[in-house]
Structures are given as structure tokens and as C-alpha cells.
Amino acid sequence: MDYAWKEFLEKACGIRENERLLLAVSGGVDSMVMLHRFVSHGFPVGVAHCNFQLRGADSDADEAFVQETAERYGLPFFHIRFDTTAYAASKGVSIEMAARELRYAWFREIAAQQDYRLIATAHHRDDAEETFFLNLMRGCGIKGLHGIQPLSNGIVRPLRCFSRQEIADYAKAHGIAYRQDKSNSDDRFRRNYLRLHILPALRELQPSFDQNMLKTMRILQEQENIYFHHIREVSEKLLHAEADGYKLYWEEVAKLPYPETYLFEILHPFGFNESQTKALFAAGGQTKGKRLESRTHCLWTHGNNLFLRPLQTETPRTYTLSLTPDGLQTDCPFLQTDIRDGIPAFSKDTHQACFDMDRLSFPLHIRYWQEGDRFHPFGMKGSKKLSDFFTDRHIDSGSKGKIPLLCNGNGDILWVIGHRSDHRYRVRPDTARTLILEWTSV
């Protein structure tokens, strides 16, 4: 069994000889067997334990037990306590999902700090089968039906080749102490109900159930690899790279067989979910000027095109133009300024603007578009929403947030830089002094 296990580590898990591993150890039989096997084979491992503070004194006893075991083996021990209930409430997720998010984020943090290439969890073959049926009940595509893989995204499952019974037998044969989690016998939880009732019944109906499940999940994994290889090829053809993102032609998507599925698969890597892509497809690619956002990207339409850009993670810088006894002072490197008496010659260059100096309230500020912005376009007596102005000029939703706005001290927009100045602050026949500005960054 040890030879077969080491071969599994190398071929399925990508674990090298003497690999430094961070082991996620809860104190239960599965993780304690995993710890024992790696220590017995001389791997330089570290032990990480999460106390989710969900079972009172039992949670604290688990933590103490794992720490004592790590110290007895002379291994590095990392531990943390989470207020899991509060986190779940703040994020609006289940306790199970909260615990998952918290532990994996922390595992990755410790692994990066301590230079562990891989994080090992004690999921086994039965866990993979249970996950298959849980995903099946939730409704999923092919990706959800291969169960838990031995290696994915830096997480390895070195016990994936063993059943729960084989792990229990190993613990008994080697006298391995472990902690019992009483909640594992509570069949009100769906995973427990599957483990305690459904899977035993299936094994009784079909003695070769476990072998057949492994074969099915392997085939599904291979089919998934083929499927996503094709999706990547299609995405590379349809996602046309631009300077700061991608353009997707709606007509190209619409020509595909099952275009809604293709649209989801193309956009899903950018964080967009099924409900968003369904709504987008139902609208024929039109979002009527509203952006769709994932955690990392924004998507909007302009004509028959879809535009995809990363979300801005930094607040665009603002600048100030002040009037001092020594003259005009600005911290903006793109703005050239001048004050002249009377009325200067008119320029059609939209990167130049003139204003009646005596109607301005200093300091002036340069900022970027905000929801609800309005101004009075030059040549019009009334006001107009800036978003409508952008739409009229065929400026897409992703670009409008990058256009600088010069604002008066009272908050009025003086100049949509590069496009149009405000009619209220125009140079008039009685203007005594004119502020002349030129924007040099195009």
C-alpha cells in the first residue's frame, strides 16, 4: 500500500520527494492518519489548525489535541480562531461556506508566508462520492460531477485514493489517537445523510458501486478536460484584446450552437454567474446602459458589442487649481493655464477651454464621473445628465469613468475635458478677464 500511495502522491497529487507541505489538521481520524503517514515517510510538513468556535469546549479541545500532537512530532504548528458565525452573518452565507472561505484564505496566507508550495487536506474517496451527489442535487454542469480531485489550485488530497474504512483500519492498526466530531453523526446535514443512509443503500444494491463511481468520475474529468479545451479555443477567438480589456462581438456569439452556454463559459472565468449571463442573453446582449459587475470585472454593451474590463481597484487621482497672490497654482501635470485680459481668439480644439474668470470660485478641482452628474453643455440653455451626454457622443460605459471633469469651487462642472465646456461659465462680450486652459494628456 505504501508503494502505491507514494506513486499516487507523485502522479496524481504532484508531490515531490521530501516536499514541504502544509497539512490542514482538524484532529479527526482522516487528518490524523494523513499526518501520521507523512511523518512516517519523512516529509518536512507543517501543521495548520482552524478553530471555528462552533462547538464550544470541544472546539478548544480539538485545538489543544492537534497542538500537542504537532509538538510531540516536533513540527511547526500554526493555529487561528475564527468568529465563524459573525462572518457568515456579515457575508450572508451558510456556516459551512463561511468556514470554507475562512480556512482556505488562511491556509494560503500561511503557505505563502512559510514557503509551502502545496496545502494538503484529508479528503478521501468517500468524500469525493458524497460531493458528486451533493452537486447533482444542487444542479450543476460537468465540472461539478467529477467529485473532489487529488490536485487543484495548489490544494492536494493525498488520501483521495483511500476509502473511509481503509483510513479507519489504518488508524486502528497504528494506534493513532484522534478526536470524534459528534456532528458527523447528525443526519440533519445533507452530507451526513448521504453518508449514513444513501451511499450504504447504493452499495447494497450494487456491490461494485465504489469502483464504478471512481470510473465514472474519471471519465467525467477527462470529458471536462476536452470540453474546456474547446471553450478556451473559442474564447481566444471571440475575446478580442484591447489595451485595457476585451471586446466581444454579440453577433459572433449568437451564431454559435447553444450560444447561451458559450456566453456563460466565456464570461465565467471573469467572475460572472449564470443568472447574469442568462439576463444578458435574454436581452440579446443589451443591458440598456447598465453595467454588469462581478467581483473583479465589469461588462457593458455599446451597439452590438460587449466590453469587458477589470474593475478599478484604485480611486482615480483628483487635482486642484488654486488662485494665489503669486498666480495660478496646480498639482495637475496635464493642465496648462493662462489668464488674459478681454476676450481671446476662439479655438475649436476640444482640449482647450476658456472661462469668464470673474464667474469662477477657486479652488477648481479635477475629478471623474459620478452617478447623477449634470452640466449645461455649451450652446444649450438647459442642463443635461452627463451620462446622457456620453451616450449621445457614443462614449461607452467603461470609458466615461476615465474622462476628467473640471469643476468649479461650488461643485458645478465647468468642462468635460476633451469634449464640451459649460455654457454658464462661457466667455461673454462683457468678460474682463479670461481663464485659458489646455489639457495636454490625450
Protein backbone atom coordinates (compact mmCIF):
# COMPACT_ATOMS: atom_id res chain seq x y z
CA MET A 1 0.00 0.00 0.00
CA ASP A 2 2.86 2.42 0.79
CA TYR A 3 4.39 1.99 -2.67
CA ALA A 4 1.02 2.56 -4.33
CA TRP A 5 0.42 5.60 -2.11
CA LYS A 6 3.78 7.18 -2.96
CA GLU A 7 3.05 6.62 -6.64
CA PHE A 8 -0.34 8.31 -6.15
CA LEU A 9 1.35 11.26 -4.43
CA GLU A 10 3.73 11.73 -7.34
CA LYS A 11 1.44 11.10 -10.31
CA ALA A 12 -1.97 12.32 -9.10
CA CYS A 13 -1.02 14.93 -6.49
CA GLY A 14 2.20 16.30 -7.96
CA ILE A 15 4.00 15.87 -4.62
CA ARG A 16 7.76 15.60 -4.99
CA GLU A 17 10.13 13.59 -2.79
CA ASN A 18 10.65 15.42 0.54
CA GLU A 19 8.11 18.09 -0.48
CA ARG A 20 7.44 20.78 2.11
CA LEU A 21 3.70 20.57 2.76
CA LEU A 22 1.26 22.47 4.93
CA LEU A 23 -1.18 19.93 6.38
CA ALA A 24 -4.69 21.03 7.35
CA VAL A 25 -5.28 19.00 10.52
CA SER A 26 -8.62 19.13 12.33
CA GLY A 27 -7.91 16.35 14.84
CA GLY A 28 -10.34 13.88 13.26
CA VAL A 29 -9.34 10.42 12.11
CA ASP A 30 -8.79 11.41 8.47
CA SER A 31 -6.38 14.28 9.12
CA MET A 32 -4.56 12.42 11.90
CA VAL A 33 -3.93 9.49 9.56
CA MET A 34 -2.69 11.91 6.90
CA LEU A 35 -0.34 13.49 9.41
CA HIS A 36 0.95 10.09 10.56
CA ARG A 37 1.62 8.89 7.00
CA PHE A 38 3.62 11.98 6.04
CA VAL A 39 5.63 11.98 9.25
CA SER A 40 6.33 8.23 8.86
CA HIS A 41 7.69 8.87 5.36
CA GLY A 42 9.91 11.74 6.49
CA PHE A 43 8.20 14.62 4.73
CA PRO A 44 9.04 18.08 6.20
CA VAL A 45 5.49 19.17 6.98
CA GLY A 46 3.82 21.94 8.94
CA VAL A 47 0.52 21.60 10.81
CA ALA A 48 -2.29 24.15 10.42
CA HIS A 49 -5.41 24.06 12.59
CA CYS A 50 -8.54 26.23 12.45
CA ASN A 51 -10.75 26.68 15.50
CA PHE A 52 -14.12 27.80 14.16
CA GLN A 53 -15.54 28.17 17.69
CA LEU A 54 -18.74 26.38 16.75
CA ARG A 55 -18.72 23.52 19.27
CA GLY A 56 -17.72 25.26 22.49
CA ALA A 57 -15.30 23.30 24.67
CA ASP A 58 -14.98 20.56 22.04
CA SER A 59 -13.51 23.04 19.54
CA ASP A 60 -10.92 24.16 22.11
CA ALA A 61 -10.11 20.55 22.97
CA ASP A 62 -9.54 19.77 19.29
CA GLU A 63 -7.10 22.67 19.06
CA ALA A 64 -5.18 21.57 22.15
CA PHE A 65 -5.02 17.97 20.90
CA VAL A 66 -3.62 18.93 17.48
CA GLN A 67 -1.09 21.31 19.02
CA GLU A 68 0.10 18.62 21.44
CA THR A 69 0.49 16.14 18.58
CA ALA A 70 2.43 18.59 16.42
CA GLU A 71 4.76 19.40 19.31
CA ARG A 72 5.32 15.71 20.00
CA TYR A 73 6.38 15.22 16.39
CA GLY A 74 8.50 18.38 16.54
CA LEU A 75 6.56 20.05 13.72
CA PRO A 76 5.77 23.73 13.11
CA PHE A 77 2.25 24.46 14.38
CA PHE A 78 0.02 27.24 13.07
CA HIS A 79 -3.40 27.93 14.52
CA ILE A 80 -6.14 30.54 14.36
CA ARG A 81 -9.57 31.16 15.86
CA PHE A 82 -12.45 32.43 13.73
CA ASP A 83 -15.75 34.01 14.69
CA THR A 84 -17.41 31.91 12.03
CA THR A 85 -20.98 32.78 12.99
CA ALA A 86 -20.36 36.52 12.73
CA TYR A 87 -18.56 36.11 9.40
CA ALA A 88 -21.42 34.04 7.96
CA ALA A 89 -23.95 36.69 9.03
CA SER A 90 -21.90 39.56 7.57
CA LYS A 91 -21.43 37.80 4.22
CA GLY A 92 -24.93 36.31 4.04
CA VAL A 93 -23.60 32.76 3.55
CA SER A 94 -24.07 29.45 5.34
CA ILE A 95 -21.87 28.42 8.26
CA GLU A 96 -20.36 25.70 6.07
CA MET A 97 -19.48 28.18 3.32
CA ALA A 98 -18.15 30.69 5.85
CA ALA A 99 -15.84 28.08 7.37
CA ARG A 100 -14.63 27.08 3.93
CA GLU A 101 -13.85 30.65 2.86
CA LEU A 102 -12.10 31.45 6.12
CA ARG A 103 -9.92 28.35 6.29
CA TYR A 104 -8.73 28.32 2.68
CA ALA A 105 -7.87 32.02 2.71
CA TRP A 106 -5.87 31.48 5.90
CA PHE A 107 -4.18 28.30 4.63
CA ARG A 108 -2.98 30.17 1.53
CA GLU A 109 -1.71 33.05 3.64
CA ILE A 110 0.34 30.73 5.88
CA ALA A 111 1.61 28.71 2.91
CA ALA A 112 2.84 31.89 1.20
CA GLN A 113 4.48 33.21 4.37
CA GLN A 114 6.20 29.92 5.22
CA ASP A 115 7.09 28.86 1.67
CA TYR A 116 4.89 25.77 1.42
CA ARG A 117 4.14 25.06 -2.24
CA LEU A 118 1.14 22.85 -1.55
CA ILE A 119 -1.62 22.64 1.05
CA ALA A 120 -2.83 19.13 1.93
CA THR A 121 -6.33 18.31 3.14
CA ALA A 122 -7.58 14.90 4.26
CA HIS A 123 -10.42 14.39 1.80
CA HIS A 124 -10.80 10.76 0.76
CA ARG A 125 -12.67 8.67 -1.81
CA ASP A 126 -15.97 8.69 0.11
CA ASP A 127 -15.82 12.49 0.33
CA ALA A 128 -15.49 12.65 -3.45
CA GLU A 129 -18.56 10.44 -3.91
CA GLU A 130 -20.59 12.49 -1.44
CA THR A 131 -19.58 15.69 -3.24
CA PHE A 132 -20.71 14.17 -6.55
CA PHE A 133 -24.23 13.61 -5.22
CA LEU A 134 -24.41 16.93 -3.36
CA ASN A 135 -23.54 18.77 -6.58
CA LEU A 136 -26.00 16.64 -8.51
CA MET A 137 -28.80 17.64 -6.11
CA ARG A 138 -27.89 21.33 -6.31
CA GLY A 139 -27.86 21.28 -10.11
CA CYS A 140 -24.54 21.58 -11.85
CA GLY A 141 -22.68 21.13 -15.10
CA ILE A 142 -19.98 18.65 -15.92
CA LYS A 143 -17.49 20.47 -13.72
CA GLY A 144 -19.42 19.58 -10.58
CA LEU A 145 -19.61 15.86 -11.29
CA HIS A 146 -16.01 14.75 -11.02
CA GLY A 147 -16.07 14.96 -7.23
CA ILE A 148 -13.00 16.13 -5.33
CA GLN A 149 -9.82 15.95 -7.38
CA PRO A 150 -6.41 14.89 -5.99
CA LEU A 151 -4.88 18.22 -7.03
CA SER A 152 -6.49 21.57 -7.80
CA ASN A 153 -5.34 25.17 -7.33
CA GLY A 154 -2.47 24.29 -5.01
CA ILE A 155 -4.65 22.07 -2.78
CA VAL A 156 -3.75 18.35 -2.67
CA ARG A 157 -5.81 15.46 -1.27
CA PRO A 158 -3.24 12.73 -0.57
CA LEU A 159 -5.89 10.39 0.88
CA ARG A 160 -8.14 10.65 -2.18
CA CYS A 161 -7.16 7.09 -3.16
CA PHE A 162 -8.40 5.61 0.16
CA SER A 163 -11.91 4.91 1.45
CA ARG A 164 -13.17 5.98 4.83
CA GLN A 165 -12.99 2.36 6.01
CA GLU A 166 -9.37 1.94 4.88
CA ILE A 167 -8.43 5.08 6.80
CA ALA A 168 -10.19 3.81 9.93
CA ASP A 169 -8.42 0.45 9.60
CA TYR A 170 -5.05 2.22 9.26
CA ALA A 171 -5.71 4.29 12.38
CA LYS A 172 -6.58 1.15 14.36
CA ALA A 173 -3.56 -0.80 13.10
CA HIS A 174 -1.14 2.02 14.02
CA GLY A 175 -2.79 3.05 17.28
CA ILE A 176 -3.45 6.60 16.06
CA ALA A 177 -5.40 8.74 18.51
CA TYR A 178 -7.97 11.16 17.13
CA ARG A 179 -10.92 13.30 18.15
CA GLN A 180 -14.53 12.43 17.36
CA ASP A 181 -16.73 15.19 15.94
CA LYS A 182 -20.21 14.44 17.25
CA SER A 183 -21.81 16.47 14.48
CA ASN A 184 -20.68 13.84 11.96
CA SER A 185 -23.49 11.57 13.16
CA ASP A 186 -26.19 14.24 12.82
CA ASP A 187 -28.11 13.25 9.69
CA ARG A 188 -29.91 16.59 9.54
CA PHE A 189 -26.91 17.68 7.47
CA ARG A 190 -27.22 16.59 3.85
CA ARG A 191 -23.66 15.27 3.58
CA ASN A 192 -24.15 13.18 6.69
CA TYR A 193 -27.48 11.87 5.44
CA LEU A 194 -25.85 10.79 2.20
CA ARG A 195 -23.00 9.11 4.07
CA LEU A 196 -25.18 7.37 6.66
CA HIS A 197 -28.18 6.34 4.55
CA ILE A 198 -27.97 6.83 0.77
CA LEU A 199 -24.49 5.58 -0.09
CA PRO A 200 -24.78 2.40 2.05
CA ALA A 201 -28.05 1.60 0.26
CA LEU A 202 -26.40 2.08 -3.14
CA ARG A 203 -23.53 -0.18 -2.14
CA GLU A 204 -26.04 -2.81 -1.12
CA LEU A 205 -27.80 -2.52 -4.47
CA GLN A 206 -24.52 -2.60 -6.40
CA PRO A 207 -21.51 -4.25 -4.72
CA SER A 208 -19.14 -2.65 -7.24
CA PHE A 209 -20.64 0.80 -6.60
CA ASP A 210 -17.39 2.43 -5.37
CA GLN A 211 -15.32 1.11 -8.28
CA ASN A 212 -17.97 2.23 -10.75
CA MET A 213 -18.15 5.68 -9.15
CA LEU A 214 -14.40 6.11 -9.44
CA LYS A 215 -14.57 5.09 -13.10
CA THR A 216 -17.47 7.49 -13.75
CA MET A 217 -15.71 10.44 -12.09
CA ARG A 218 -12.51 9.69 -14.02
CA ILE A 219 -14.39 9.63 -17.33
CA LEU A 220 -16.20 12.86 -16.45
CA GLN A 221 -12.89 14.50 -15.59
CA GLU A 222 -11.46 13.52 -18.98
CA GLN A 223 -14.57 14.77 -20.75
CA GLU A 224 -14.40 18.01 -18.80
CA ASN A 225 -10.79 18.50 -19.91
CA ILE A 226 -11.87 18.10 -23.56
CA TYR A 227 -14.83 20.43 -23.06
CA PHE A 228 -12.79 23.24 -21.52
CA HIS A 229 -10.02 22.81 -24.06
CA HIS A 230 -12.63 23.63 -26.70
CA ILE A 231 -14.06 26.51 -24.64
CA ARG A 232 -10.58 28.05 -24.33
CA GLU A 233 -10.11 27.87 -28.10
CA VAL A 234 -13.47 29.56 -28.73
CA SER A 235 -12.78 32.22 -26.08
CA GLU A 236 -9.44 33.06 -27.64
CA LYS A 237 -11.18 33.60 -30.99
CA LEU A 238 -14.10 35.66 -29.66
CA LEU A 239 -12.42 37.76 -26.97
CA HIS A 240 -10.69 40.49 -28.97
CA ALA A 241 -7.93 42.00 -26.83
CA GLU A 242 -7.84 45.76 -26.36
CA ALA A 243 -5.50 47.99 -24.40
CA ASP A 244 -7.33 47.57 -21.10
CA GLY A 245 -9.63 44.61 -21.60
CA TYR A 246 -11.62 42.73 -24.24
CA LYS A 247 -14.31 43.31 -26.83
CA LEU A 248 -16.85 40.60 -27.61
CA TYR A 249 -18.99 40.85 -30.75
CA TRP A 250 -22.54 39.81 -29.93
CA GLU A 251 -23.20 38.59 -33.48
CA GLU A 252 -20.29 36.14 -33.22
CA VAL A 253 -21.73 34.69 -30.02
CA ALA A 254 -25.25 34.47 -31.44
CA LYS A 255 -24.04 32.34 -34.39
CA LEU A 256 -22.72 29.60 -32.11
CA PRO A 257 -24.74 26.48 -31.30
CA TYR A 258 -26.10 26.81 -27.74
CA PRO A 259 -24.93 30.46 -27.57
CA GLU A 260 -26.21 30.96 -24.02
CA THR A 261 -23.94 28.19 -22.77
CA TYR A 262 -20.97 29.58 -24.67
CA LEU A 263 -21.64 33.06 -23.28
CA PHE A 264 -21.65 31.71 -19.73
CA GLU A 265 -18.42 29.74 -20.20
CA ILE A 266 -16.66 32.70 -21.83
CA LEU A 267 -17.65 35.12 -19.06
CA HIS A 268 -17.50 32.78 -16.06
CA PRO A 269 -13.67 32.98 -15.70
CA PHE A 270 -14.16 36.73 -15.18
CA GLY A 271 -16.49 36.10 -12.24
CA PHE A 272 -19.90 36.42 -13.91
CA ASN A 273 -22.55 33.97 -12.70
CA GLU A 274 -25.28 32.08 -14.51
CA SER A 275 -28.10 34.49 -13.62
CA GLN A 276 -26.13 37.44 -15.02
CA THR A 277 -25.33 35.72 -18.30
CA LYS A 278 -28.93 34.46 -18.61
CA ALA A 279 -30.26 38.01 -18.22
CA LEU A 280 -27.71 39.31 -20.71
CA PHE A 281 -28.58 36.62 -23.25
CA ALA A 282 -32.34 37.14 -22.78
CA ALA A 283 -31.83 40.84 -23.56
CA GLY A 284 -29.98 39.95 -26.75
CA GLY A 285 -26.73 41.31 -25.34
CA GLN A 286 -28.27 44.67 -24.47
CA THR A 287 -28.08 45.91 -20.88
CA LYS A 288 -29.77 49.23 -21.69
CA GLY A 289 -26.82 51.27 -20.41
CA LYS A 290 -26.46 49.39 -17.13
CA ARG A 291 -23.22 47.72 -16.23
CA LEU A 292 -22.92 44.15 -15.05
CA GLU A 293 -20.26 43.63 -12.42
CA SER A 294 -18.53 40.63 -10.93
CA ARG A 295 -16.06 40.84 -8.06
CA THR A 296 -13.22 41.51 -10.48
CA HIS A 297 -14.67 42.80 -13.77
CA CYS A 298 -17.34 44.99 -15.32
CA LEU A 299 -19.25 44.28 -18.51
CA TRP A 300 -21.31 46.68 -20.61
CA THR A 301 -22.70 46.96 -24.12
CA HIS A 302 -22.21 49.58 -26.78
CA GLY A 303 -24.06 48.96 -30.02
CA ASN A 304 -23.75 45.26 -30.77
CA ASN A 305 -20.51 44.88 -28.87
CA LEU A 306 -19.79 43.72 -25.33
CA PHE A 307 -16.90 45.31 -23.46
CA LEU A 308 -15.07 43.63 -20.60
CA ARG A 309 -12.72 45.47 -18.27
CA PRO A 310 -11.11 44.86 -14.86
CA LEU A 311 -12.74 46.82 -12.07
CA GLN A 312 -10.80 49.85 -10.99
CA THR A 313 -9.13 48.94 -7.70
CA GLU A 314 -7.68 52.38 -7.12
CA THR A 315 -9.59 55.65 -6.78
CA PRO A 316 -8.62 57.94 -9.70
CA ARG A 317 -6.47 60.81 -8.53
CA THR A 318 -8.04 64.27 -8.23
CA TYR A 319 -6.25 67.58 -8.84
CA THR A 320 -6.66 71.18 -7.73
CA LEU A 321 -6.24 74.54 -9.48
CA SER A 322 -5.83 77.39 -6.99
CA LEU A 323 -5.60 81.16 -7.37
CA THR A 324 -2.86 82.57 -5.12
CA PRO A 325 -1.23 86.01 -4.78
CA ASP A 326 1.56 84.60 -6.97
CA GLY A 327 -0.88 83.49 -9.67
CA LEU A 328 -2.42 80.16 -10.64
CA GLN A 329 -1.06 77.03 -8.95
CA THR A 330 -1.95 73.43 -9.87
CA ASP A 331 -0.75 69.95 -8.98
CA CYS A 332 -2.02 68.57 -12.29
CA PRO A 333 0.82 67.83 -14.72
CA PHE A 334 -1.56 67.79 -17.71
CA LEU A 335 -3.01 71.28 -17.28
CA GLN A 336 -1.53 74.44 -18.76
CA THR A 337 -3.07 77.70 -17.58
CA ASP A 338 -3.11 81.36 -18.56
CA ILE A 339 -5.10 84.49 -17.65
CA ARG A 340 -5.66 87.19 -20.24
CA ASP A 341 -7.49 90.47 -20.27
CA GLY A 342 -10.50 90.68 -22.52
CA ILE A 343 -11.70 88.05 -24.96
CA PRO A 344 -9.16 85.73 -26.66
CA ALA A 345 -9.45 84.24 -30.13
CA PHE A 346 -11.85 81.26 -30.23
CA SER A 347 -10.32 77.79 -30.65
CA LYS A 348 -12.15 74.68 -31.92
CA ASP A 349 -9.68 72.40 -30.10
CA THR A 350 -11.75 70.46 -27.53
CA HIS A 351 -8.63 70.10 -25.37
CA GLN A 352 -8.68 73.86 -24.85
CA ALA A 353 -11.31 75.82 -22.95
CA CYS A 354 -11.94 79.44 -21.95
CA PHE A 355 -13.94 80.71 -18.97
CA ASP A 356 -15.04 84.05 -17.59
CA MET A 357 -12.54 84.45 -14.77
CA ASP A 358 -14.82 86.56 -12.59
CA ARG A 359 -17.56 83.90 -12.55
CA LEU A 360 -15.30 81.21 -11.13
CA SER A 361 -14.95 80.19 -7.48
CA PHE A 362 -11.47 78.95 -6.63
CA PRO A 363 -10.04 76.47 -5.98
CA LEU A 364 -11.16 74.48 -9.02
CA HIS A 365 -10.99 70.68 -8.91
CA ILE A 366 -10.46 67.91 -11.42
CA ARG A 367 -12.31 64.69 -10.70
CA TYR A 368 -14.09 61.89 -12.58
CA TRP A 369 -17.69 60.97 -13.38
CA GLN A 370 -20.14 60.22 -10.56
CA GLU A 371 -23.69 58.92 -10.77
CA GLY A 372 -26.14 61.82 -11.13
CA ASP A 373 -23.67 64.36 -12.60
CA ARG A 374 -25.27 67.12 -14.70
CA PHE A 375 -23.92 70.12 -16.58
CA HIS A 376 -25.03 72.78 -19.09
CA PRO A 377 -23.36 71.92 -22.41
CA PHE A 378 -22.01 74.92 -24.29
CA GLY A 379 -24.66 76.22 -26.69
CA MET A 380 -27.57 74.87 -24.61
CA LYS A 381 -29.60 76.80 -22.07
CA GLY A 382 -30.78 73.81 -20.10
CA SER A 383 -28.90 71.13 -18.17
CA LYS A 384 -28.21 67.59 -19.26
CA LYS A 385 -27.29 64.44 -17.39
CA LEU A 386 -23.65 63.71 -18.04
CA SER A 387 -24.44 60.04 -18.66
CA ASP A 388 -26.88 61.07 -21.42
CA PHE A 389 -24.24 63.38 -22.88
CA PHE A 390 -21.82 60.46 -23.03
CA THR A 391 -24.44 58.25 -24.66
CA ASP A 392 -25.19 60.88 -27.31
CA ARG A 393 -21.49 61.06 -28.12
CA HIS A 394 -21.23 57.24 -28.31
CA ILE A 395 -18.94 57.06 -25.30
CA ASP A 396 -19.28 53.59 -23.75
CA SER A 397 -19.90 52.96 -20.06
CA GLY A 398 -16.39 51.75 -19.39
CA SER A 399 -14.73 54.84 -20.87
CA LYS A 400 -16.86 57.52 -19.23
CA GLY A 401 -15.24 56.98 -15.85
CA LYS A 402 -11.86 57.84 -17.34
CA ILE A 403 -12.82 61.28 -18.70
CA PRO A 404 -11.62 64.07 -16.37
CA LEU A 405 -14.04 66.78 -15.27
CA LEU A 406 -13.02 70.30 -14.26
CA CYS A 407 -15.34 71.55 -11.50
CA ASN A 408 -15.96 74.98 -10.06
CA GLY A 409 -15.50 75.65 -6.36
CA ASN A 410 -19.29 75.40 -5.90
CA GLY A 411 -19.33 71.93 -7.45
CA ASP A 412 -20.62 72.84 -10.94
CA ILE A 413 -18.96 71.01 -13.81
CA LEU A 414 -17.08 73.60 -15.88
CA TRP A 415 -15.58 71.36 -18.52
CA VAL A 416 -15.92 67.77 -19.66
CA ILE A 417 -12.29 67.79 -20.65
CA GLY A 418 -11.74 66.92 -24.28
CA HIS A 419 -15.46 67.25 -25.12
CA ARG A 420 -17.51 70.28 -24.03
CA SER A 421 -17.37 73.21 -21.63
CA ASP A 422 -20.29 74.56 -19.57
CA HIS A 423 -22.50 77.26 -21.08
CA ARG A 424 -22.97 79.16 -17.79
CA TYR A 425 -19.29 79.99 -17.44
CA ARG A 426 -18.62 80.88 -21.06
CA VAL A 427 -16.75 83.98 -22.17
CA ARG A 428 -19.24 86.81 -22.85
CA PRO A 429 -18.98 90.20 -24.58
CA ASP A 430 -18.54 91.86 -21.17
CA THR A 431 -15.86 89.42 -19.93
CA ALA A 432 -12.99 91.38 -18.41
CA ARG A 433 -10.60 88.51 -17.76
CA THR A 434 -10.43 85.07 -19.38
CA LEU A 435 -9.02 81.87 -17.91
CA ILE A 436 -7.46 79.82 -20.71
CA LEU A 437 -6.81 76.13 -20.07
CA GLU A 438 -5.18 73.44 -22.18
CA TRP A 439 -5.27 69.72 -21.37
CA THR A 440 -2.08 68.09 -22.66
CA SER A 441 -2.84 64.42 -21.89
CA VAL A 442 -4.93 62.93 -24.70
